[in-house]
Amino acid sequence: MAASGKNTAIAEAKKVSKMKAHYTCEKCGKMDGVMHGAHIMPVTYAGTCADPYNILCLCAGCHSMGPHCAHQNPHEFVRWFEEMFPGRYDDLRERAYSYSKNPMPKKDWKAITKELRQMQKDLE
């Protein structure tokens, strides 16, 4: 049950990120096609997995396909990310690692999902 709640929260966080970006790829500016909610810090870090601040709206080409995508060239992607969003990568890394090293009480995925859905309503 917990994994399902976590996955729902992650899906809602991806939707918030795409809405904030107006369904436009934050790397290349593409506005048509399917947009992905791409994590900067992997979903394995519970501290940032359902945080819209940790997710970019990317087209398939920039996220997972093509020679310059995030998954094919992660070091190049991180360099681009640090240039475009100064300090954000280090902030996310610190948040993700500190939660992993010092686990807080279990996440309330239902409450997180409710908060993310409210964020979506506010963005509409």
PDB file of N, CA and C in Angstrom:
ATOM      1  N   MET A   1       0.826  -1.199   0.000  1.00  0.00           N
ATOM      2  CA  MET A   1       0.000   0.000   0.000  1.00  0.00           C
ATOM      3  C   MET A   1       0.864   1.254   0.000  1.00  0.00           C
ATOM      4  N   ALA A   2       1.943   1.249   0.745  1.00  0.00           N
ATOM      5  CA  ALA A   2       2.811   2.432   0.831  1.00  0.00           C
ATOM      6  C   ALA A   2       3.407   2.779  -0.522  1.00  0.00           C
ATOM      7  N   ALA A   3       3.837   1.764  -1.274  1.00  0.00           N
ATOM      8  CA  ALA A   3       4.427   2.030  -2.591  1.00  0.00           C
ATOM      9  C   ALA A   3       3.396   2.665  -3.507  1.00  0.00           C
ATOM     10  N   SER A   4       2.161   2.199  -3.441  1.00  0.00           N
ATOM     11  CA  SER A   4       1.101   2.766  -4.267  1.00  0.00           C
ATOM     12  C   SER A   4       0.866   4.229  -3.919  1.00  0.00           C
ATOM     13  N   GLY A   5       0.838   4.554  -2.629  1.00  0.00           N
ATOM     14  CA  GLY A   5       0.669   5.938  -2.203  1.00  0.00           C
ATOM     15  C   GLY A   5       1.832   6.798  -2.641  1.00  0.00           C
ATOM     16  N   LYS A   6       3.031   6.249  -2.548  1.00  0.00           N
ATOM     17  CA  LYS A   6       4.232   6.961  -2.986  1.00  0.00           C
ATOM     18  C   LYS A   6       4.169   7.209  -4.487  1.00  0.00           C
ATOM     19  N   ASN A   7       3.794   6.185  -5.250  1.00  0.00           N
ATOM     20  CA  ASN A   7       3.716   6.334  -6.704  1.00  0.00           C
ATOM     21  C   ASN A   7       2.663   7.349  -7.117  1.00  0.00           C
ATOM     22  N   THR A   8       1.556   7.389  -6.405  1.00  0.00           N
ATOM     23  CA  THR A   8       0.518   8.383  -6.689  1.00  0.00           C
ATOM     24  C   THR A   8       1.045   9.784  -6.417  1.00  0.00           C
ATOM     25  N   ALA A   9       1.743   9.948  -5.300  1.00  0.00           N
ATOM     26  CA  ALA A   9       2.312  11.259  -4.963  1.00  0.00           C
ATOM     27  C   ALA A   9       3.329  11.689  -6.012  1.00  0.00           C
ATOM     28  N   ILE A  10       4.160  10.765  -6.471  1.00  0.00           N
ATOM     29  CA  ILE A  10       5.150  11.085  -7.502  1.00  0.00           C
ATOM     30  C   ILE A  10       4.448  11.524  -8.789  1.00  0.00           C
ATOM     31  N   ALA A  11       3.401  10.804  -9.187  1.00  0.00           N
ATOM     32  CA  ALA A  11       2.648  11.162 -10.402  1.00  0.00           C
ATOM     33  C   ALA A  11       2.042  12.561 -10.274  1.00  0.00           C
ATOM     34  N   GLU A  12       1.520  12.890  -9.102  1.00  0.00           N
ATOM     35  CA  GLU A  12       0.935  14.214  -8.892  1.00  0.00           C
ATOM     36  C   GLU A  12       2.021  15.299  -8.915  1.00  0.00           C
ATOM     37  N   ALA A  13       3.190  15.004  -8.364  1.00  0.00           N
ATOM     38  CA  ALA A  13       4.300  15.969  -8.385  1.00  0.00           C
ATOM     39  C   ALA A  13       4.762  16.218  -9.823  1.00  0.00           C
ATOM     40  N   LYS A  14       4.791  15.168 -10.627  1.00  0.00           N
ATOM     41  CA  LYS A  14       5.163  15.334 -12.040  1.00  0.00           C
ATOM     42  C   LYS A  14       4.157  16.231 -12.754  1.00  0.00           C
ATOM     43  N   LYS A  15       2.878  16.028 -12.439  1.00  0.00           N
ATOM     44  CA  LYS A  15       1.837  16.859 -13.067  1.00  0.00           C
ATOM     45  C   LYS A  15       2.011  18.323 -12.667  1.00  0.00           C
ATOM     46  N   VAL A  16       2.292  18.587 -11.393  1.00  0.00           N
ATOM     47  CA  VAL A  16       2.521  19.967 -10.936  1.00  0.00           C
ATOM     48  C   VAL A  16       3.680  20.580 -11.714  1.00  0.00           C
ATOM     49  N   SER A  17       4.764  19.838 -11.853  1.00  0.00           N
ATOM     50  CA  SER A  17       5.942  20.353 -12.561  1.00  0.00           C
ATOM     51  C   SER A  17       5.634  20.677 -14.014  1.00  0.00           C
ATOM     52  N   LYS A  18       4.873  19.804 -14.660  1.00  0.00           N
ATOM     53  CA  LYS A  18       4.510  20.052 -16.061  1.00  0.00           C
ATOM     54  C   LYS A  18       3.578  21.258 -16.182  1.00  0.00           C
ATOM     55  N   MET A  19       2.657  21.387 -15.237  1.00  0.00           N
ATOM     56  CA  MET A  19       1.751  22.541 -15.255  1.00  0.00           C
ATOM     57  C   MET A  19       2.526  23.837 -15.053  1.00  0.00           C
ATOM     58  N   LYS A  20       3.477  23.842 -14.095  1.00  0.00           N
ATOM     59  CA  LYS A  20       4.278  25.044 -13.842  1.00  0.00           C
ATOM     60  C   LYS A  20       5.060  25.462 -15.078  1.00  0.00           C
ATOM     61  N   ALA A  21       5.497  24.484 -15.860  1.00  0.00           N
ATOM     62  CA  ALA A  21       6.270  24.764 -17.076  1.00  0.00           C
ATOM     63  C   ALA A  21       5.359  24.976 -18.281  1.00  0.00           C
ATOM     64  N   HIS A  22       4.058  24.952 -18.069  1.00  0.00           N
ATOM     65  CA  HIS A  22       3.072  25.115 -19.150  1.00  0.00           C
ATOM     66  C   HIS A  22       3.284  24.074 -20.243  1.00  0.00           C
ATOM     67  N   TYR A  23       3.610  22.843 -19.813  1.00  0.00           N
ATOM     68  CA  TYR A  23       3.812  21.715 -20.715  1.00  0.00           C
ATOM     69  C   TYR A  23       4.801  22.040 -21.837  1.00  0.00           C
ATOM     70  N   THR A  24       5.840  22.774 -21.459  1.00  0.00           N
ATOM     71  CA  THR A  24       6.915  23.162 -22.373  1.00  0.00           C
ATOM     72  C   THR A  24       8.215  22.569 -21.852  1.00  0.00           C
ATOM     73  N   CYS A  25       8.984  21.954 -22.748  1.00  0.00           N
ATOM     74  CA  CYS A  25      10.253  21.358 -22.339  1.00  0.00           C
ATOM     75  C   CYS A  25      11.169  22.446 -21.789  1.00  0.00           C
ATOM     76  N   GLU A  26      11.645  22.234 -20.573  1.00  0.00           N
ATOM     77  CA  GLU A  26      12.482  23.229 -19.917  1.00  0.00           C
ATOM     78  C   GLU A  26      13.911  23.236 -20.450  1.00  0.00           C
ATOM     79  N   LYS A  27      14.243  22.268 -21.299  1.00  0.00           N
ATOM     80  CA  LYS A  27      15.588  22.246 -21.872  1.00  0.00           C
ATOM     81  C   LYS A  27      15.598  22.825 -23.283  1.00  0.00           C
ATOM     82  N   CYS A  28      14.713  22.354 -24.142  1.00  0.00           N
ATOM     83  CA  CYS A  28      14.759  22.793 -25.546  1.00  0.00           C
ATOM     84  C   CYS A  28      13.626  23.732 -25.947  1.00  0.00           C
ATOM     85  N   GLY A  29      12.593  23.845 -25.110  1.00  0.00           N
ATOM     86  CA  GLY A  29      11.486  24.743 -25.414  1.00  0.00           C
ATOM     87  C   GLY A  29      10.377  24.131 -26.239  1.00  0.00           C
ATOM     88  N   LYS A  30      10.475  22.850 -26.562  1.00  0.00           N
ATOM     89  CA  LYS A  30       9.432  22.182 -27.350  1.00  0.00           C
ATOM     90  C   LYS A  30       8.112  22.255 -26.600  1.00  0.00           C
ATOM     91  N   MET A  31       7.033  22.510 -27.343  1.00  0.00           N
ATOM     92  CA  MET A  31       5.726  22.673 -26.718  1.00  0.00           C
ATOM     93  C   MET A  31       4.703  21.630 -27.144  1.00  0.00           C
ATOM     94  N   ASP A  32       5.063  20.751 -28.056  1.00  0.00           N
ATOM     95  CA  ASP A  32       4.092  19.745 -28.485  1.00  0.00           C
ATOM     96  C   ASP A  32       4.612  18.351 -28.183  1.00  0.00           C
ATOM     97  N   GLY A  33       3.713  17.396 -28.190  1.00  0.00           N
ATOM     98  CA  GLY A  33       4.083  16.020 -27.874  1.00  0.00           C
ATOM     99  C   GLY A  33       3.922  15.722 -26.395  1.00  0.00           C
ATOM    100  N   VAL A  34       4.269  14.524 -26.035  1.00  0.00           N
ATOM    101  CA  VAL A  34       4.155  14.082 -24.648  1.00  0.00           C
ATOM    102  C   VAL A  34       5.315  14.649 -23.845  1.00  0.00           C
ATOM    103  N   MET A  35       4.995  15.248 -22.732  1.00  0.00           N
ATOM    104  CA  MET A  35       6.033  15.774 -21.846  1.00  0.00           C
ATOM    105  C   MET A  35       6.215  14.827 -20.666  1.00  0.00           C
ATOM    106  N   HIS A  36       7.449  14.709 -20.235  1.00  0.00           N
ATOM    107  CA  HIS A  36       7.794  13.830 -19.117  1.00  0.00           C
ATOM    108  C   HIS A  36       8.076  14.666 -17.876  1.00  0.00           C
ATOM    109  N   GLY A  37       7.771  14.100 -16.731  1.00  0.00           N
ATOM    110  CA  GLY A  37       8.204  14.671 -15.465  1.00  0.00           C
ATOM    111  C   GLY A  37       9.510  13.972 -15.113  1.00  0.00           C
ATOM    112  N   ALA A  38      10.622  14.659 -15.275  1.00  0.00           N
ATOM    113  CA  ALA A  38      11.942  14.056 -15.120  1.00  0.00           C
ATOM    114  C   ALA A  38      12.571  14.440 -13.786  1.00  0.00           C
ATOM    115  N   HIS A  39      12.924  13.433 -13.007  1.00  0.00           N
ATOM    116  CA  HIS A  39      13.569  13.675 -11.715  1.00  0.00           C
ATOM    117  C   HIS A  39      15.029  14.085 -11.893  1.00  0.00           C
ATOM    118  N   ILE A  40      15.464  15.010 -11.077  1.00  0.00           N
ATOM    119  CA  ILE A  40      16.880  15.379 -11.024  1.00  0.00           C
ATOM    120  C   ILE A  40      17.572  14.382 -10.089  1.00  0.00           C
ATOM    121  N   MET A  41      17.139  14.334  -8.846  1.00  0.00           N
ATOM    122  CA  MET A  41      17.612  13.303  -7.914  1.00  0.00           C
ATOM    123  C   MET A  41      16.679  12.106  -8.091  1.00  0.00           C
ATOM    124  N   PRO A  42      17.214  10.887  -8.150  1.00  0.00           N
ATOM    125  CA  PRO A  42      16.391   9.698  -8.409  1.00  0.00           C
ATOM    126  C   PRO A  42      15.270   9.495  -7.394  1.00  0.00           C
ATOM    127  N   VAL A  43      14.240   8.761  -7.824  1.00  0.00           N
ATOM    128  CA  VAL A  43      13.090   8.487  -6.961  1.00  0.00           C
ATOM    129  C   VAL A  43      13.457   7.634  -5.752  1.00  0.00           C
ATOM    130  N   THR A  44      14.617   7.030  -5.759  1.00  0.00           N
ATOM    131  CA  THR A  44      15.042   6.222  -4.612  1.00  0.00           C
ATOM    132  C   THR A  44      15.252   7.073  -3.363  1.00  0.00           C
ATOM    133  N   TYR A  45      15.391   8.393  -3.528  1.00  0.00           N
ATOM    134  CA  TYR A  45      15.536   9.287  -2.387  1.00  0.00           C
ATOM    135  C   TYR A  45      14.153   9.776  -1.972  1.00  0.00           C
ATOM    136  N   ALA A  46      13.638   9.201  -0.889  1.00  0.00           N
ATOM    137  CA  ALA A  46      12.278   9.527  -0.436  1.00  0.00           C
ATOM    138  C   ALA A  46      12.112  11.002  -0.085  1.00  0.00           C
ATOM    139  N   GLY A  47      13.200  11.652   0.296  1.00  0.00           N
ATOM    140  CA  GLY A  47      13.106  13.050   0.696  1.00  0.00           C
ATOM    141  C   GLY A  47      12.762  14.006  -0.440  1.00  0.00           C
ATOM    142  N   THR A  48      13.010  13.588  -1.683  1.00  0.00           N
ATOM    143  CA  THR A  48      12.773  14.477  -2.824  1.00  0.00           C
ATOM    144  C   THR A  48      11.950  13.842  -3.947  1.00  0.00           C
ATOM    145  N   CYS A  49      11.543  12.587  -3.816  1.00  0.00           N
ATOM    146  CA  CYS A  49      10.897  11.886  -4.927  1.00  0.00           C
ATOM    147  C   CYS A  49       9.568  12.500  -5.360  1.00  0.00           C
ATOM    148  N   ALA A  50       8.807  13.062  -4.426  1.00  0.00           N
ATOM    149  CA  ALA A  50       7.500  13.644  -4.765  1.00  0.00           C
ATOM    150  C   ALA A  50       7.509  15.156  -4.575  1.00  0.00           C
ATOM    151  N   ASP A  51       8.671  15.752  -4.770  1.00  0.00           N
ATOM    152  CA  ASP A  51       8.834  17.200  -4.630  1.00  0.00           C
ATOM    153  C   ASP A  51       8.928  17.825  -6.027  1.00  0.00           C
ATOM    154  N   PRO A  52       7.971  18.656  -6.414  1.00  0.00           N
ATOM    155  CA  PRO A  52       8.018  19.266  -7.745  1.00  0.00           C
ATOM    156  C   PRO A  52       9.311  20.037  -8.021  1.00  0.00           C
ATOM    157  N   TYR A  53       9.965  20.512  -6.988  1.00  0.00           N
ATOM    158  CA  TYR A  53      11.244  21.219  -7.132  1.00  0.00           C
ATOM    159  C   TYR A  53      12.321  20.291  -7.695  1.00  0.00           C
ATOM    160  N   ASN A  54      12.134  18.979  -7.530  1.00  0.00           N
ATOM    161  CA  ASN A  54      13.072  17.971  -7.998  1.00  0.00           C
ATOM    162  C   ASN A  54      12.702  17.419  -9.375  1.00  0.00           C
ATOM    163  N   ILE A  55      11.718  17.994 -10.017  1.00  0.00           N
ATOM    164  CA  ILE A  55      11.218  17.452 -11.281  1.00  0.00           C
ATOM    165  C   ILE A  55      11.166  18.547 -12.336  1.00  0.00           C
ATOM    166  N   LEU A  56      11.658  18.216 -13.528  1.00  0.00           N
ATOM    167  CA  LEU A  56      11.584  19.128 -14.662  1.00  0.00           C
ATOM    168  C   LEU A  56      10.594  18.596 -15.677  1.00  0.00           C
ATOM    169  N   CYS A  57      10.000  19.472 -16.429  1.00  0.00           N
ATOM    170  CA  CYS A  57       9.165  19.102 -17.562  1.00  0.00           C
ATOM    171  C   CYS A  57      10.093  19.006 -18.775  1.00  0.00           C
ATOM    172  N   LEU A  58      10.230  17.800 -19.313  1.00  0.00           N
ATOM    173  CA  LEU A  58      11.106  17.584 -20.463  1.00  0.00           C
ATOM    174  C   LEU A  58      10.373  16.812 -21.548  1.00  0.00           C
ATOM    175  N   CYS A  59      10.704  17.101 -22.796  1.00  0.00           N
ATOM    176  CA  CYS A  59      10.185  16.303 -23.905  1.00  0.00           C
ATOM    177  C   CYS A  59      10.924  14.963 -23.897  1.00  0.00           C
ATOM    178  N   ALA A  60      10.415  13.998 -24.635  1.00  0.00           N
ATOM    179  CA  ALA A  60      11.041  12.673 -24.672  1.00  0.00           C
ATOM    180  C   ALA A  60      12.476  12.755 -25.171  1.00  0.00           C
ATOM    181  N   GLY A  61      12.733  13.610 -26.135  1.00  0.00           N
ATOM    182  CA  GLY A  61      14.082  13.747 -26.683  1.00  0.00           C
ATOM    183  C   GLY A  61      15.092  14.242 -25.669  1.00  0.00           C
ATOM    184  N   CYS A  62      14.697  15.168 -24.834  1.00  0.00           N
ATOM    185  CA  CYS A  62      15.621  15.702 -23.824  1.00  0.00           C
ATOM    186  C   CYS A  62      15.702  14.815 -22.588  1.00  0.00           C
ATOM    187  N   HIS A  63      14.654  14.037 -22.341  1.00  0.00           N
ATOM    188  CA  HIS A  63      14.650  13.196 -21.145  1.00  0.00           C
ATOM    189  C   HIS A  63      15.307  11.834 -21.370  1.00  0.00           C
ATOM    190  N   SER A  64      14.816  11.080 -22.348  1.00  0.00           N
ATOM    191  CA  SER A  64      15.266   9.694 -22.426  1.00  0.00           C
ATOM    192  C   SER A  64      15.621   9.181 -23.817  1.00  0.00           C
ATOM    193  N   MET A  65      15.495  10.010 -24.832  1.00  0.00           N
ATOM    194  CA  MET A  65      15.815   9.576 -26.192  1.00  0.00           C
ATOM    195  C   MET A  65      16.754  10.588 -26.835  1.00  0.00           C
ATOM    196  N   GLY A  66      17.537  10.137 -27.729  1.00  0.00           N
ATOM    197  CA  GLY A  66      18.419  11.052 -28.439  1.00  0.00           C
ATOM    198  C   GLY A  66      19.797  11.147 -27.817  1.00  0.00           C
ATOM    199  N   PRO A  67      20.751  11.624 -28.590  1.00  0.00           N
ATOM    200  CA  PRO A  67      22.160  11.624 -28.162  1.00  0.00           C
ATOM    201  C   PRO A  67      22.493  12.592 -27.029  1.00  0.00           C
ATOM    202  N   HIS A  68      21.688  13.597 -26.817  1.00  0.00           N
ATOM    203  CA  HIS A  68      22.007  14.580 -25.774  1.00  0.00           C
ATOM    204  C   HIS A  68      21.014  14.553 -24.611  1.00  0.00           C
ATOM    205  N   CYS A  69      20.269  13.453 -24.505  1.00  0.00           N
ATOM    206  CA  CYS A  69      19.245  13.382 -23.453  1.00  0.00           C
ATOM    207  C   CYS A  69      19.868  13.141 -22.086  1.00  0.00           C
ATOM    208  N   ALA A  70      19.079  13.386 -21.078  1.00  0.00           N
ATOM    209  CA  ALA A  70      19.534  13.273 -19.696  1.00  0.00           C
ATOM    210  C   ALA A  70      20.026  11.870 -19.357  1.00  0.00           C
ATOM    211  N   HIS A  71      19.341  10.846 -19.869  1.00  0.00           N
ATOM    212  CA  HIS A  71      19.716   9.480 -19.524  1.00  0.00           C
ATOM    213  C   HIS A  71      20.936   8.982 -20.297  1.00  0.00           C
ATOM    214  N   GLN A  72      21.166   9.490 -21.489  1.00  0.00           N
ATOM    215  CA  GLN A  72      22.329   9.068 -22.270  1.00  0.00           C
ATOM    216  C   GLN A  72      23.592   9.824 -21.878  1.00  0.00           C
ATOM    217  N   ASN A  73      23.434  11.067 -21.483  1.00  0.00           N
ATOM    218  CA  ASN A  73      24.571  11.918 -21.104  1.00  0.00           C
ATOM    219  C   ASN A  73      24.294  12.618 -19.781  1.00  0.00           C
ATOM    220  N   PRO A  74      24.273  11.872 -18.675  1.00  0.00           N
ATOM    221  CA  PRO A  74      23.914  12.496 -17.392  1.00  0.00           C
ATOM    222  C   PRO A  74      24.876  13.597 -16.951  1.00  0.00           C
ATOM    223  N   HIS A  75      26.166  13.453 -17.234  1.00  0.00           N
ATOM    224  CA  HIS A  75      27.117  14.494 -16.810  1.00  0.00           C
ATOM    225  C   HIS A  75      26.889  15.789 -17.587  1.00  0.00           C
ATOM    226  N   GLU A  76      26.648  15.664 -18.870  1.00  0.00           N
ATOM    227  CA  GLU A  76      26.345  16.837 -19.694  1.00  0.00           C
ATOM    228  C   GLU A  76      25.040  17.482 -19.221  1.00  0.00           C
ATOM    229  N   PHE A  77      24.069  16.645 -18.882  1.00  0.00           N
ATOM    230  CA  PHE A  77      22.785  17.155 -18.423  1.00  0.00           C
ATOM    231  C   PHE A  77      22.934  17.909 -17.100  1.00  0.00           C
ATOM    232  N   VAL A  78      23.706  17.357 -16.179  1.00  0.00           N
ATOM    233  CA  VAL A  78      23.918  18.022 -14.886  1.00  0.00           C
ATOM    234  C   VAL A  78      24.618  19.359 -15.084  1.00  0.00           C
ATOM    235  N   ARG A  79      25.577  19.397 -15.993  1.00  0.00           N
ATOM    236  CA  ARG A  79      26.252  20.681 -16.288  1.00  0.00           C
ATOM    237  C   ARG A  79      25.250  21.702 -16.793  1.00  0.00           C
ATOM    238  N   TRP A  80      24.399  21.291 -17.721  1.00  0.00           N
ATOM    239  CA  TRP A  80      23.360  22.189 -18.253  1.00  0.00           C
ATOM    240  C   TRP A  80      22.435  22.632 -17.109  1.00  0.00           C
ATOM    241  N   PHE A  81      22.004  21.677 -16.279  1.00  0.00           N
ATOM    242  CA  PHE A  81      21.087  21.970 -15.188  1.00  0.00           C
ATOM    243  C   PHE A  81      21.698  22.983 -14.221  1.00  0.00           C
ATOM    244  N   GLU A  82      22.952  22.783 -13.854  1.00  0.00           N
ATOM    245  CA  GLU A  82      23.617  23.705 -12.925  1.00  0.00           C
ATOM    246  C   GLU A  82      23.757  25.105 -13.521  1.00  0.00           C
ATOM    247  N   GLU A  83      23.951  25.164 -14.833  1.00  0.00           N
ATOM    248  CA  GLU A  83      24.063  26.460 -15.512  1.00  0.00           C
ATOM    249  C   GLU A  83      22.715  27.186 -15.541  1.00  0.00           C
ATOM    250  N   MET A  84      21.653  26.418 -15.808  1.00  0.00           N
ATOM    251  CA  MET A  84      20.318  27.009 -15.925  1.00  0.00           C
ATOM    252  C   MET A  84      19.675  27.319 -14.565  1.00  0.00           C
ATOM    253  N   PHE A  85      19.986  26.503 -13.584  1.00  0.00           N
ATOM    254  CA  PHE A  85      19.364  26.629 -12.267  1.00  0.00           C
ATOM    255  C   PHE A  85      20.467  26.642 -11.206  1.00  0.00           C
ATOM    256  N   PRO A  86      21.223  27.709 -11.119  1.00  0.00           N
ATOM    257  CA  PRO A  86      22.358  27.757 -10.193  1.00  0.00           C
ATOM    258  C   PRO A  86      21.971  27.428  -8.749  1.00  0.00           C
ATOM    259  N   GLY A  87      22.728  26.524  -8.146  1.00  0.00           N
ATOM    260  CA  GLY A  87      22.523  26.157  -6.750  1.00  0.00           C
ATOM    261  C   GLY A  87      21.455  25.111  -6.502  1.00  0.00           C
ATOM    262  N   ARG A  88      20.566  24.896  -7.454  1.00  0.00           N
ATOM    263  CA  ARG A  88      19.445  23.980  -7.231  1.00  0.00           C
ATOM    264  C   ARG A  88      19.913  22.526  -7.114  1.00  0.00           C
ATOM    265  N   TYR A  89      20.880  22.112  -7.930  1.00  0.00           N
ATOM    266  CA  TYR A  89      21.362  20.733  -7.872  1.00  0.00           C
ATOM    267  C   TYR A  89      21.962  20.434  -6.493  1.00  0.00           C
ATOM    268  N   ASP A  90      22.804  21.330  -6.005  1.00  0.00           N
ATOM    269  CA  ASP A  90      23.418  21.123  -4.692  1.00  0.00           C
ATOM    270  C   ASP A  90      22.359  21.113  -3.595  1.00  0.00           C
ATOM    271  N   ASP A  91      21.365  21.970  -3.707  1.00  0.00           N
ATOM    272  CA  ASP A  91      20.274  22.014  -2.742  1.00  0.00           C
ATOM    273  C   ASP A  91      19.501  20.689  -2.744  1.00  0.00           C
ATOM    274  N   LEU A  92      19.168  20.206  -3.930  1.00  0.00           N
ATOM    275  CA  LEU A  92      18.438  18.940  -4.035  1.00  0.00           C
ATOM    276  C   LEU A  92      19.260  17.772  -3.500  1.00  0.00           C
ATOM    277  N   ARG A  93      20.526  17.758  -3.849  1.00  0.00           N
ATOM    278  CA  ARG A  93      21.406  16.684  -3.391  1.00  0.00           C
ATOM    279  C   ARG A  93      21.482  16.675  -1.861  1.00  0.00           C
ATOM    280  N   GLU A  94      21.627  17.839  -1.264  1.00  0.00           N
ATOM    281  CA  GLU A  94      21.686  17.944   0.200  1.00  0.00           C
ATOM    282  C   GLU A  94      20.386  17.469   0.833  1.00  0.00           C
ATOM    283  N   ARG A  95      19.258  17.886   0.278  1.00  0.00           N
ATOM    284  CA  ARG A  95      17.961  17.478   0.812  1.00  0.00           C
ATOM    285  C   ARG A  95      17.758  15.967   0.691  1.00  0.00           C
ATOM    286  N   ALA A  96      18.132  15.420  -0.455  1.00  0.00           N
ATOM    287  CA  ALA A  96      17.963  13.984  -0.680  1.00  0.00           C
ATOM    288  C   ALA A  96      18.861  13.175   0.246  1.00  0.00           C
ATOM    289  N   TYR A  97      20.110  13.552   0.342  1.00  0.00           N
ATOM    290  CA  TYR A  97      21.069  12.809   1.156  1.00  0.00           C
ATOM    291  C   TYR A  97      20.778  12.961   2.646  1.00  0.00           C
ATOM    292  N   SER A  98      20.410  14.157   3.082  1.00  0.00           N
ATOM    293  CA  SER A  98      20.168  14.349   4.513  1.00  0.00           C
ATOM    294  C   SER A  98      18.963  13.545   4.975  1.00  0.00           C
ATOM    295  N   TYR A  99      17.941  13.426   4.155  1.00  0.00           N
ATOM    296  CA  TYR A  99      16.778  12.618   4.519  1.00  0.00           C
ATOM    297  C   TYR A  99      17.165  11.143   4.588  1.00  0.00           C
ATOM    298  N   SER A 100      18.004  10.697   3.645  1.00  0.00           N
ATOM    299  CA  SER A 100      18.428   9.300   3.614  1.00  0.00           C
ATOM    300  C   SER A 100      19.292   8.944   4.816  1.00  0.00           C
ATOM    301  N   LYS A 101      20.149   9.868   5.226  1.00  0.00           N
ATOM    302  CA  LYS A 101      21.054   9.599   6.339  1.00  0.00           C
ATOM    303  C   LYS A 101      20.362   9.722   7.692  1.00  0.00           C
ATOM    304  N   ASN A 102      19.379  10.599   7.771  1.00  0.00           N
ATOM    305  CA  ASN A 102      18.667  10.855   9.023  1.00  0.00           C
ATOM    306  C   ASN A 102      17.172  10.698   8.796  1.00  0.00           C
ATOM    307  N   PRO A 103      16.718   9.479   8.613  1.00  0.00           N
ATOM    308  CA  PRO A 103      15.305   9.276   8.273  1.00  0.00           C
ATOM    309  C   PRO A 103      14.354   9.921   9.272  1.00  0.00           C
ATOM    310  N   MET A 104      13.456  10.650   8.726  1.00  0.00           N
ATOM    311  CA  MET A 104      12.394  11.259   9.526  1.00  0.00           C
ATOM    312  C   MET A 104      11.273  10.224   9.648  1.00  0.00           C
ATOM    313  N   PRO A 105      10.226  10.549  10.359  1.00  0.00           N
ATOM    314  CA  PRO A 105       9.096   9.619  10.397  1.00  0.00           C
ATOM    315  C   PRO A 105       8.619   9.310   8.976  1.00  0.00           C
ATOM    316  N   LYS A 106       8.000   8.170   8.813  1.00  0.00           N
ATOM    317  CA  LYS A 106       7.519   7.764   7.495  1.00  0.00           C
ATOM    318  C   LYS A 106       6.679   8.866   6.861  1.00  0.00           C
ATOM    319  N   LYS A 107       6.830   8.982   5.543  1.00  0.00           N
ATOM    320  CA  LYS A 107       6.071   9.997   4.797  1.00  0.00           C
ATOM    321  C   LYS A 107       4.583   9.661   4.805  1.00  0.00           C
ATOM    322  N   ASP A 108       3.759  10.684   4.902  1.00  0.00           N
ATOM    323  CA  ASP A 108       2.318  10.536   4.795  1.00  0.00           C
ATOM    324  C   ASP A 108       1.965  10.827   3.338  1.00  0.00           C
ATOM    325  N   TRP A 109       2.022   9.789   2.510  1.00  0.00           N
ATOM    326  CA  TRP A 109       1.844   9.964   1.063  1.00  0.00           C
ATOM    327  C   TRP A 109       0.462  10.504   0.717  1.00  0.00           C
ATOM    328  N   LYS A 110      -0.561  10.148   1.489  1.00  0.00           N
ATOM    329  CA  LYS A 110      -1.913  10.676   1.228  1.00  0.00           C
ATOM    330  C   LYS A 110      -1.941  12.189   1.432  1.00  0.00           C
ATOM    331  N   ALA A 111      -1.318  12.655   2.504  1.00  0.00           N
ATOM    332  CA  ALA A 111      -1.276  14.100   2.773  1.00  0.00           C
ATOM    333  C   ALA A 111      -0.460  14.826   1.707  1.00  0.00           C
ATOM    334  N   ILE A 112       0.629  14.227   1.288  1.00  0.00           N
ATOM    335  CA  ILE A 112       1.466  14.830   0.239  1.00  0.00           C
ATOM    336  C   ILE A 112       0.678  14.911  -1.058  1.00  0.00           C
ATOM    337  N   THR A 113      -0.037  13.834  -1.402  1.00  0.00           N
ATOM    338  CA  THR A 113      -0.847  13.820  -2.626  1.00  0.00           C
ATOM    339  C   THR A 113      -1.929  14.891  -2.561  1.00  0.00           C
ATOM    340  N   LYS A 114      -2.568  15.019  -1.419  1.00  0.00           N
ATOM    341  CA  LYS A 114      -3.610  16.048  -1.250  1.00  0.00           C
ATOM    342  C   LYS A 114      -3.023  17.447  -1.469  1.00  0.00           C
ATOM    343  N   GLU A 115      -1.859  17.696  -0.901  1.00  0.00           N
ATOM    344  CA  GLU A 115      -1.195  18.997  -1.062  1.00  0.00           C
ATOM    345  C   GLU A 115      -0.823  19.250  -2.531  1.00  0.00           C
ATOM    346  N   LEU A 116      -0.345  18.224  -3.217  1.00  0.00           N
ATOM    347  CA  LEU A 116       0.026  18.374  -4.634  1.00  0.00           C
ATOM    348  C   LEU A 116      -1.200  18.647  -5.501  1.00  0.00           C
ATOM    349  N   ARG A 117      -2.306  18.003  -5.185  1.00  0.00           N
ATOM    350  CA  ARG A 117      -3.541  18.246  -5.943  1.00  0.00           C
ATOM    351  C   ARG A 117      -4.055  19.667  -5.725  1.00  0.00           C
ATOM    352  N   GLN A 118      -3.861  20.184  -4.526  1.00  0.00           N
ATOM    353  CA  GLN A 118      -4.225  21.576  -4.268  1.00  0.00           C
ATOM    354  C   GLN A 118      -3.334  22.506  -5.085  1.00  0.00           C
ATOM    355  N   MET A 119      -2.053  22.191  -5.173  1.00  0.00           N
ATOM    356  CA  MET A 119      -1.141  22.995  -5.991  1.00  0.00           C
ATOM    357  C   MET A 119      -1.611  23.016  -7.450  1.00  0.00           C
ATOM    358  N   GLN A 120      -2.088  21.870  -7.942  1.00  0.00           N
ATOM    359  CA  GLN A 120      -2.594  21.808  -9.311  1.00  0.00           C
ATOM    360  C   GLN A 120      -3.801  22.711  -9.490  1.00  0.00           C
ATOM    361  N   LYS A 121      -4.716  22.680  -8.539  1.00  0.00           N
ATOM    362  CA  LYS A 121      -5.901  23.552  -8.615  1.00  0.00           C
ATOM    363  C   LYS A 121      -5.479  25.016  -8.627  1.00  0.00           C
ATOM    364  N   ASP A 122      -4.483  25.349  -7.819  1.00  0.00           N
ATOM    365  CA  ASP A 122      -4.005  26.731  -7.768  1.00  0.00           C
ATOM    366  C   ASP A 122      -3.362  27.155  -9.088  1.00  0.00           C
ATOM    367  N   LEU A 123      -2.802  26.194  -9.820  1.00  0.00           N
ATOM    368  CA  LEU A 123      -2.141  26.510 -11.103  1.00  0.00           C
ATOM    369  C   LEU A 123      -3.127  26.594 -12.266  1.00  0.00           C
ATOM    370  N   GLU A 124      -4.322  26.041 -12.080  1.00  0.00           N
ATOM    371  CA  GLU A 124      -5.314  26.052 -13.183  1.00  0.00           C
ATOM    372  C   GLU A 124      -5.863  27.438 -13.430  1.00  0.00           C
TER     373      GLU A 124
END
